[in-house]
Amino acid sequence: MNALLYLMRVGQAFDSHREIWASSALTHATKEAKAADVNELGDIYRPRSPTASPFRPSSYAPPIVGHPHRQKSCETCGKAGEWHRDVNYLGSLDRRPALLMGQIGLSFLWDLPIIFLPLRLHRGQRKEGLGSLLSQLVEREES
């Protein structure tokens, strides 16, 4: 069962982290605050060059030590860290999903889970309309 903790209306979609970094959709200060190489909770990867390959992990600065997607990184076990998949993820039909940015003023965050979806959600989740999602949500009473 999954709790609904965050809901947003999509404002923009990007093909790569490089495209986000090059866009004017975020201020420089916001990009720095969200950069995974300086913030353990950062979710945007900083390109090493504006012309580097957008889907090659070596084209980006790796996440800071302590970032959850850096665990089991190349330096420690020889395998790609989770962040490599963030940069070069292939979804269903070998397509790369868009990186979504929420519309300002239409993003919502709850700190107490009270609304649940009784299904397992995952990265390649089948896309359904909002009506379908709303019809499946259930409210759990506090115990």
Protein backbone atom coordinates (compact mmCIF):
# COMPACT_ATOMS: atom_id res chain seq x y z
CA MET A 1 0.00 0.00 0.00
CA ASN A 2 1.30 3.48 -0.91
CA ALA A 3 0.53 6.71 0.94
CA LEU A 4 -0.17 9.90 -0.97
CA LEU A 5 2.33 12.39 0.42
CA TYR A 6 3.02 14.58 -2.59
CA LEU A 7 0.87 15.72 -5.48
CA MET A 8 1.73 18.20 -8.21
CA ARG A 9 0.47 19.52 -11.48
CA VAL A 10 3.14 19.21 -14.16
CA GLY A 11 4.41 22.58 -15.31
CA GLN A 12 7.25 21.51 -17.61
CA ALA A 13 8.89 18.33 -18.86
CA PHE A 14 12.56 17.86 -19.77
CA ASP A 15 14.45 15.17 -21.66
CA SER A 16 17.58 15.20 -19.49
CA HIS A 17 19.26 16.71 -16.45
CA ARG A 18 21.43 18.69 -18.86
CA GLU A 19 18.31 20.22 -20.40
CA ILE A 20 16.99 21.22 -16.95
CA TRP A 21 20.34 22.79 -16.06
CA ALA A 22 20.43 24.77 -19.34
CA SER A 23 16.84 26.00 -19.05
CA SER A 24 15.65 29.23 -17.50
CA ALA A 25 12.83 27.39 -15.71
CA LEU A 26 14.85 27.47 -12.46
CA THR A 27 16.97 30.28 -11.11
CA HIS A 28 20.70 29.73 -10.61
CA ALA A 29 20.14 29.72 -6.83
CA THR A 30 17.45 27.03 -7.13
CA LYS A 31 19.66 24.87 -9.35
CA GLU A 32 22.48 25.14 -6.79
CA ALA A 33 20.09 24.24 -3.95
CA LYS A 34 18.79 21.18 -5.86
CA ALA A 35 22.18 20.02 -7.20
CA ALA A 36 22.98 16.46 -6.11
CA ASP A 37 26.71 17.21 -5.97
CA VAL A 38 26.23 19.76 -3.15
CA ASN A 39 23.03 18.63 -1.40
CA GLU A 40 22.31 15.14 -0.01
CA LEU A 41 18.67 15.58 -1.03
CA GLY A 42 19.48 17.14 -4.41
CA ASP A 43 17.62 15.72 -7.39
CA ILE A 44 19.27 17.50 -10.33
CA TYR A 45 22.63 16.33 -11.64
CA ARG A 46 25.11 19.03 -12.68
CA PRO A 47 26.53 18.58 -16.20
CA ARG A 48 30.31 18.80 -16.44
CA SER A 49 29.95 20.53 -19.82
CA PRO A 50 26.99 22.10 -21.65
CA THR A 51 27.77 19.96 -24.71
CA ALA A 52 28.46 16.61 -23.02
CA SER A 53 26.26 13.60 -23.72
CA PRO A 54 22.96 14.10 -21.84
CA PHE A 55 22.56 10.40 -20.95
CA ARG A 56 26.14 9.41 -20.08
CA PRO A 57 26.71 9.40 -16.29
CA SER A 58 30.34 10.47 -16.76
CA SER A 59 28.98 13.72 -18.24
CA TYR A 60 27.73 14.73 -14.78
CA ALA A 61 29.27 15.53 -11.42
CA PRO A 62 28.55 12.57 -9.11
CA PRO A 63 26.30 13.09 -6.09
CA ILE A 64 27.82 14.25 -2.83
CA VAL A 65 28.92 11.59 -0.34
CA GLY A 66 25.85 10.81 1.78
CA HIS A 67 23.39 11.21 -1.10
CA PRO A 68 21.08 8.16 -1.05
CA HIS A 69 21.60 7.42 -4.76
CA ARG A 70 25.37 7.36 -4.40
CA GLN A 71 25.40 4.27 -2.20
CA LYS A 72 27.11 1.24 -3.74
CA SER A 73 28.77 3.55 -6.25
CA CYS A 74 31.46 2.54 -8.73
CA GLU A 75 34.25 3.50 -6.33
CA THR A 76 33.14 1.01 -3.66
CA CYS A 77 31.84 -2.06 -5.46
CA GLY A 78 32.46 -1.71 -9.20
CA LYS A 79 28.76 -1.39 -10.05
CA ALA A 80 26.88 1.68 -11.20
CA GLY A 81 25.37 3.74 -8.41
CA GLU A 82 21.64 4.39 -8.39
CA TRP A 83 22.30 7.87 -9.73
CA HIS A 84 23.53 6.40 -13.02
CA ARG A 85 20.01 5.15 -13.60
CA ASP A 86 18.64 8.61 -12.78
CA VAL A 87 20.73 10.02 -15.64
CA ASN A 88 20.26 7.16 -18.12
CA TYR A 89 17.03 5.34 -17.31
CA LEU A 90 15.23 3.44 -20.04
CA GLY A 91 11.60 2.72 -19.32
CA SER A 92 9.08 0.64 -21.17
CA LEU A 93 9.72 0.20 -24.88
CA ASP A 94 13.29 1.43 -24.26
CA ARG A 95 12.10 5.03 -24.00
CA ARG A 96 13.41 7.60 -21.54
CA PRO A 97 10.68 9.09 -19.37
CA ALA A 98 10.44 12.86 -19.09
CA LEU A 99 11.81 14.62 -16.03
CA LEU A 100 8.89 16.58 -14.62
CA MET A 101 8.83 19.96 -12.91
CA GLY A 102 5.77 20.97 -10.93
CA GLN A 103 3.79 24.08 -11.68
CA ILE A 104 4.40 26.79 -9.08
CA GLY A 105 1.52 27.01 -6.62
CA LEU A 106 0.11 23.60 -7.58
CA SER A 107 2.39 21.28 -5.61
CA PHE A 108 1.17 19.81 -2.34
CA LEU A 109 3.06 18.00 0.41
CA TRP A 110 1.51 16.19 3.38
CA ASP A 111 3.53 15.22 6.45
CA LEU A 112 1.03 12.70 7.80
CA PRO A 113 -0.07 9.81 5.57
CA ILE A 114 -3.86 9.47 5.66
CA ILE A 115 -4.70 8.80 2.00
CA PHE A 116 -3.53 5.53 0.45
CA LEU A 117 -3.45 3.75 -2.87
CA PRO A 118 -3.84 -0.01 -2.33
CA LEU A 119 -1.52 -0.82 -5.26
CA ARG A 120 2.25 -1.13 -5.63
CA LEU A 121 3.65 1.84 -7.52
CA HIS A 122 6.95 1.66 -9.39
CA ARG A 123 9.06 3.58 -11.85
CA GLY A 124 7.52 2.01 -14.95
CA GLN A 125 3.96 2.37 -13.66
CA ARG A 126 1.22 2.26 -16.28
CA LYS A 127 -0.12 5.77 -16.78
CA GLU A 128 -3.75 6.34 -15.98
CA GLY A 129 -5.93 9.42 -15.76
CA LEU A 130 -6.56 11.43 -12.62
CA GLY A 131 -10.10 10.07 -12.35
CA SER A 132 -8.78 6.51 -12.16
CA LEU A 133 -6.29 7.48 -9.44
CA LEU A 134 -8.94 9.29 -7.39
CA SER A 135 -11.36 6.36 -7.59
CA GLN A 136 -8.71 4.03 -6.10
CA LEU A 137 -7.64 6.20 -3.17
CA VAL A 138 -8.78 5.16 0.29
CA GLU A 139 -8.66 7.12 3.54
CA ARG A 140 -7.23 5.33 6.55
CA GLU A 141 -8.55 6.39 9.92
CA GLU A 142 -6.07 7.10 12.70
CA SER A 143 -5.70 4.27 15.19
